[in-house]
Amino acid sequence: MAGSSHGHTPAAWTGVIITIIGFCVAGAFMVMANPLGFWAGMVLTCLGGVVGAVMSSMGLGQPKTAHPAHQVAKPEAKPEPVTAES
């Protein structure tokens, strides 16, 4: 994945950082038995994905055409079946 620059964009970094912070907040409040803080952390975790998607749609993510897996290969001619020669 490192060769395709997967995740090396501002949208990816921002979304992941917000998600990790939300996960840590939810975990801390879960240990403290505080449901309101836990759900606030869960909202923050989901918000990280939304922020990443919005930033990606604004052009701060990796373009879809940059990834070689999205390019369709040309169909090759069908090879003839191999036959045993006498």
N, C-alpha and C. Protein backbone atom coordinates (compact mmCIF):
# COMPACT_ATOMS: atom_id res chain seq x y z
N MET A 1 0.81 -1.20 0.00
CA MET A 1 0.00 0.00 0.00
C MET A 1 0.85 1.27 0.00
N ALA A 2 2.07 1.17 0.47
CA ALA A 2 2.90 2.36 0.54
C ALA A 2 3.23 2.87 -0.86
N GLY A 3 3.30 1.99 -1.82
CA GLY A 3 3.61 2.39 -3.18
C GLY A 3 2.49 3.15 -3.86
N SER A 4 1.27 3.03 -3.38
CA SER A 4 0.14 3.69 -4.01
C SER A 4 -0.30 4.94 -3.26
N SER A 5 0.46 5.39 -2.27
CA SER A 5 0.15 6.57 -1.46
C SER A 5 -1.19 6.44 -0.75
N HIS A 6 -1.55 5.22 -0.38
CA HIS A 6 -2.82 4.99 0.30
C HIS A 6 -2.79 5.64 1.68
N GLY A 7 -3.68 6.58 1.92
CA GLY A 7 -3.79 7.22 3.22
C GLY A 7 -2.87 8.39 3.46
N HIS A 8 -2.08 8.78 2.47
CA HIS A 8 -1.15 9.89 2.65
C HIS A 8 -1.76 11.19 2.14
N THR A 9 -2.94 11.52 2.64
CA THR A 9 -3.62 12.75 2.23
C THR A 9 -4.12 13.48 3.46
N PRO A 10 -4.35 14.78 3.36
CA PRO A 10 -4.88 15.52 4.50
C PRO A 10 -6.24 14.98 4.96
N ALA A 11 -7.06 14.53 4.03
CA ALA A 11 -8.38 14.00 4.40
C ALA A 11 -8.24 12.74 5.24
N ALA A 12 -7.34 11.86 4.85
CA ALA A 12 -7.13 10.61 5.59
C ALA A 12 -6.55 10.89 6.98
N TRP A 13 -5.53 11.72 7.05
CA TRP A 13 -4.92 12.02 8.34
C TRP A 13 -5.91 12.68 9.29
N THR A 14 -6.66 13.65 8.81
CA THR A 14 -7.61 14.36 9.67
C THR A 14 -8.70 13.42 10.16
N GLY A 15 -9.26 12.62 9.26
CA GLY A 15 -10.32 11.69 9.65
C GLY A 15 -9.84 10.67 10.68
N VAL A 16 -8.65 10.14 10.49
CA VAL A 16 -8.12 9.14 11.42
C VAL A 16 -7.79 9.76 12.77
N ILE A 17 -7.21 10.94 12.79
CA ILE A 17 -6.87 11.58 14.07
C ILE A 17 -8.13 11.88 14.87
N ILE A 18 -9.17 12.41 14.23
CA ILE A 18 -10.42 12.69 14.94
C ILE A 18 -11.04 11.39 15.45
N THR A 19 -10.99 10.33 14.65
CA THR A 19 -11.55 9.04 15.06
C THR A 19 -10.79 8.47 16.25
N ILE A 20 -9.48 8.56 16.26
CA ILE A 20 -8.69 8.05 17.38
C ILE A 20 -8.97 8.83 18.64
N ILE A 21 -9.08 10.14 18.54
CA ILE A 21 -9.40 10.96 19.72
C ILE A 21 -10.78 10.58 20.25
N GLY A 22 -11.75 10.41 19.37
CA GLY A 22 -13.09 10.00 19.81
C GLY A 22 -13.09 8.64 20.47
N PHE A 23 -12.30 7.71 19.93
CA PHE A 23 -12.20 6.37 20.52
C PHE A 23 -11.60 6.44 21.92
N CYS A 24 -10.56 7.26 22.09
CA CYS A 24 -9.93 7.41 23.41
C CYS A 24 -10.89 8.06 24.40
N VAL A 25 -11.63 9.07 23.97
CA VAL A 25 -12.61 9.73 24.85
C VAL A 25 -13.69 8.73 25.26
N ALA A 26 -14.21 7.96 24.30
CA ALA A 26 -15.25 6.98 24.63
C ALA A 26 -14.71 5.92 25.57
N GLY A 27 -13.48 5.47 25.36
CA GLY A 27 -12.89 4.47 26.24
C GLY A 27 -12.68 4.98 27.65
N ALA A 28 -12.20 6.21 27.78
CA ALA A 28 -11.98 6.78 29.11
C ALA A 28 -13.29 6.93 29.88
N PHE A 29 -14.31 7.44 29.21
CA PHE A 29 -15.60 7.61 29.89
C PHE A 29 -16.30 6.29 30.15
N MET A 30 -16.02 5.27 29.36
CA MET A 30 -16.58 3.96 29.64
C MET A 30 -15.99 3.39 30.93
N VAL A 31 -14.68 3.58 31.11
CA VAL A 31 -14.04 3.11 32.33
C VAL A 31 -14.55 3.89 33.55
N MET A 32 -14.85 5.18 33.36
CA MET A 32 -15.37 6.01 34.45
C MET A 32 -16.87 5.82 34.66
N ALA A 33 -17.50 4.95 33.88
CA ALA A 33 -18.94 4.66 33.98
C ALA A 33 -19.78 5.92 33.81
N ASN A 34 -19.43 6.71 32.79
CA ASN A 34 -20.17 7.92 32.48
C ASN A 34 -20.77 7.77 31.08
N PRO A 35 -22.07 7.39 30.99
CA PRO A 35 -22.66 7.13 29.67
C PRO A 35 -22.70 8.35 28.75
N LEU A 36 -22.91 9.53 29.31
CA LEU A 36 -22.98 10.72 28.47
C LEU A 36 -21.63 10.99 27.80
N GLY A 37 -20.55 10.88 28.54
CA GLY A 37 -19.22 11.07 27.96
C GLY A 37 -18.87 9.99 26.95
N PHE A 38 -19.31 8.75 27.24
CA PHE A 38 -19.08 7.65 26.30
C PHE A 38 -19.74 7.94 24.96
N TRP A 39 -21.00 8.35 25.00
CA TRP A 39 -21.70 8.61 23.74
C TRP A 39 -21.17 9.84 23.03
N ALA A 40 -20.66 10.80 23.80
CA ALA A 40 -20.01 11.96 23.16
C ALA A 40 -18.77 11.50 22.40
N GLY A 41 -18.01 10.58 22.99
CA GLY A 41 -16.84 10.03 22.30
C GLY A 41 -17.22 9.24 21.07
N MET A 42 -18.35 8.51 21.14
CA MET A 42 -18.80 7.74 19.98
C MET A 42 -19.23 8.67 18.84
N VAL A 43 -19.88 9.77 19.20
CA VAL A 43 -20.26 10.76 18.18
C VAL A 43 -19.01 11.34 17.53
N LEU A 44 -18.00 11.62 18.35
CA LEU A 44 -16.75 12.15 17.83
C LEU A 44 -16.06 11.13 16.91
N THR A 45 -16.15 9.86 17.26
CA THR A 45 -15.58 8.81 16.43
C THR A 45 -16.25 8.77 15.06
N CYS A 46 -17.56 8.84 15.04
CA CYS A 46 -18.30 8.86 13.76
C CYS A 46 -18.03 10.14 12.98
N LEU A 47 -17.84 11.23 13.70
CA LEU A 47 -17.58 12.51 13.06
C LEU A 47 -16.26 12.48 12.28
N GLY A 48 -15.30 11.69 12.77
CA GLY A 48 -14.03 11.56 12.05
C GLY A 48 -14.21 11.01 10.65
N GLY A 49 -15.08 10.02 10.50
CA GLY A 49 -15.35 9.47 9.18
C GLY A 49 -16.05 10.47 8.28
N VAL A 50 -16.98 11.22 8.85
CA VAL A 50 -17.71 12.21 8.07
C VAL A 50 -16.76 13.33 7.61
N VAL A 51 -15.90 13.79 8.52
CA VAL A 51 -14.96 14.86 8.17
C VAL A 51 -14.00 14.38 7.08
N GLY A 52 -13.51 13.15 7.20
CA GLY A 52 -12.62 12.61 6.17
C GLY A 52 -13.30 12.52 4.81
N ALA A 53 -14.56 12.08 4.80
CA ALA A 53 -15.30 11.97 3.53
C ALA A 53 -15.56 13.35 2.92
N VAL A 54 -15.91 14.32 3.76
CA VAL A 54 -16.17 15.68 3.25
C VAL A 54 -14.89 16.28 2.69
N MET A 55 -13.78 16.11 3.42
CA MET A 55 -12.51 16.65 2.92
C MET A 55 -12.09 15.97 1.63
N SER A 56 -12.34 14.68 1.53
CA SER A 56 -12.01 13.96 0.30
C SER A 56 -12.84 14.46 -0.87
N SER A 57 -14.11 14.73 -0.63
CA SER A 57 -14.97 15.25 -1.70
C SER A 57 -14.60 16.68 -2.08
N MET A 58 -13.92 17.40 -1.18
CA MET A 58 -13.46 18.76 -1.47
C MET A 58 -12.15 18.75 -2.26
N GLY A 59 -11.60 17.56 -2.50
CA GLY A 59 -10.38 17.48 -3.29
C GLY A 59 -9.12 17.29 -2.47
N LEU A 60 -9.24 17.07 -1.17
CA LEU A 60 -8.07 16.89 -0.32
C LEU A 60 -7.71 15.42 -0.11
N GLY A 61 -8.41 14.53 -0.80
CA GLY A 61 -8.12 13.11 -0.72
C GLY A 61 -7.39 12.64 -1.96
N GLN A 62 -7.15 11.36 -2.04
CA GLN A 62 -6.46 10.79 -3.20
C GLN A 62 -7.44 10.68 -4.36
N PRO A 63 -7.07 11.15 -5.54
CA PRO A 63 -7.98 11.02 -6.69
C PRO A 63 -8.17 9.56 -7.06
N LYS A 64 -9.35 9.22 -7.53
CA LYS A 64 -9.68 7.85 -7.88
C LYS A 64 -8.83 7.35 -9.05
N THR A 65 -8.41 8.22 -9.94
CA THR A 65 -7.65 7.80 -11.11
C THR A 65 -6.18 7.53 -10.78
N ALA A 66 -5.72 7.90 -9.60
CA ALA A 66 -4.31 7.73 -9.26
C ALA A 66 -3.98 6.30 -8.85
N HIS A 67 -4.97 5.50 -8.53
CA HIS A 67 -4.72 4.15 -8.05
C HIS A 67 -4.73 3.18 -9.22
N PRO A 68 -3.67 2.37 -9.37
CA PRO A 68 -3.60 1.48 -10.54
C PRO A 68 -4.68 0.40 -10.54
N ALA A 69 -5.28 0.09 -9.41
CA ALA A 69 -6.31 -0.94 -9.37
C ALA A 69 -7.60 -0.47 -10.04
N HIS A 70 -7.77 0.83 -10.20
CA HIS A 70 -8.97 1.35 -10.82
C HIS A 70 -8.88 1.40 -12.34
N GLN A 71 -7.72 1.07 -12.89
CA GLN A 71 -7.56 1.08 -14.34
C GLN A 71 -7.92 -0.29 -14.88
N VAL A 72 -8.72 -0.31 -15.92
CA VAL A 72 -9.18 -1.56 -16.50
C VAL A 72 -8.20 -1.97 -17.59
N ALA A 73 -7.75 -3.21 -17.52
CA ALA A 73 -6.82 -3.72 -18.52
C ALA A 73 -7.57 -4.05 -19.81
N LYS A 74 -6.86 -3.97 -20.92
CA LYS A 74 -7.46 -4.31 -22.21
C LYS A 74 -7.63 -5.82 -22.28
N PRO A 75 -8.75 -6.28 -22.82
CA PRO A 75 -8.92 -7.74 -22.94
C PRO A 75 -7.94 -8.31 -23.95
N GLU A 76 -7.34 -9.42 -23.59
CA GLU A 76 -6.39 -10.07 -24.49
C GLU A 76 -7.12 -11.07 -25.37
N ALA A 77 -6.47 -11.42 -26.48
CA ALA A 77 -7.05 -12.43 -27.37
C ALA A 77 -7.06 -13.78 -26.64
N LYS A 78 -8.11 -14.56 -26.91
CA LYS A 78 -8.21 -15.86 -26.26
C LYS A 78 -7.14 -16.80 -26.82
N PRO A 79 -6.37 -17.45 -25.94
CA PRO A 79 -5.36 -18.38 -26.45
C PRO A 79 -6.04 -19.65 -26.97
N GLU A 80 -5.42 -20.24 -27.96
CA GLU A 80 -5.97 -21.48 -28.52
C GLU A 80 -5.69 -22.61 -27.53
N PRO A 81 -6.60 -23.59 -27.48
CA PRO A 81 -6.37 -24.70 -26.55
C PRO A 81 -5.14 -25.52 -26.96
N VAL A 82 -4.46 -26.02 -25.96
CA VAL A 82 -3.26 -26.81 -26.21
C VAL A 82 -3.68 -28.24 -26.55
N THR A 83 -3.12 -28.76 -27.62
CA THR A 83 -3.44 -30.14 -28.01
C THR A 83 -2.16 -30.95 -28.01
N ALA A 84 -2.32 -32.24 -27.78
CA ALA A 84 -1.18 -33.14 -27.80
C ALA A 84 -0.84 -33.49 -29.25
N GLU A 85 0.40 -33.35 -29.60
CA GLU A 85 0.81 -33.68 -30.95
C GLU A 85 1.45 -35.06 -30.97
N SER A 86 1.15 -35.84 -32.01
CA SER A 86 1.67 -37.22 -32.09
C SER A 86 3.00 -37.27 -32.76
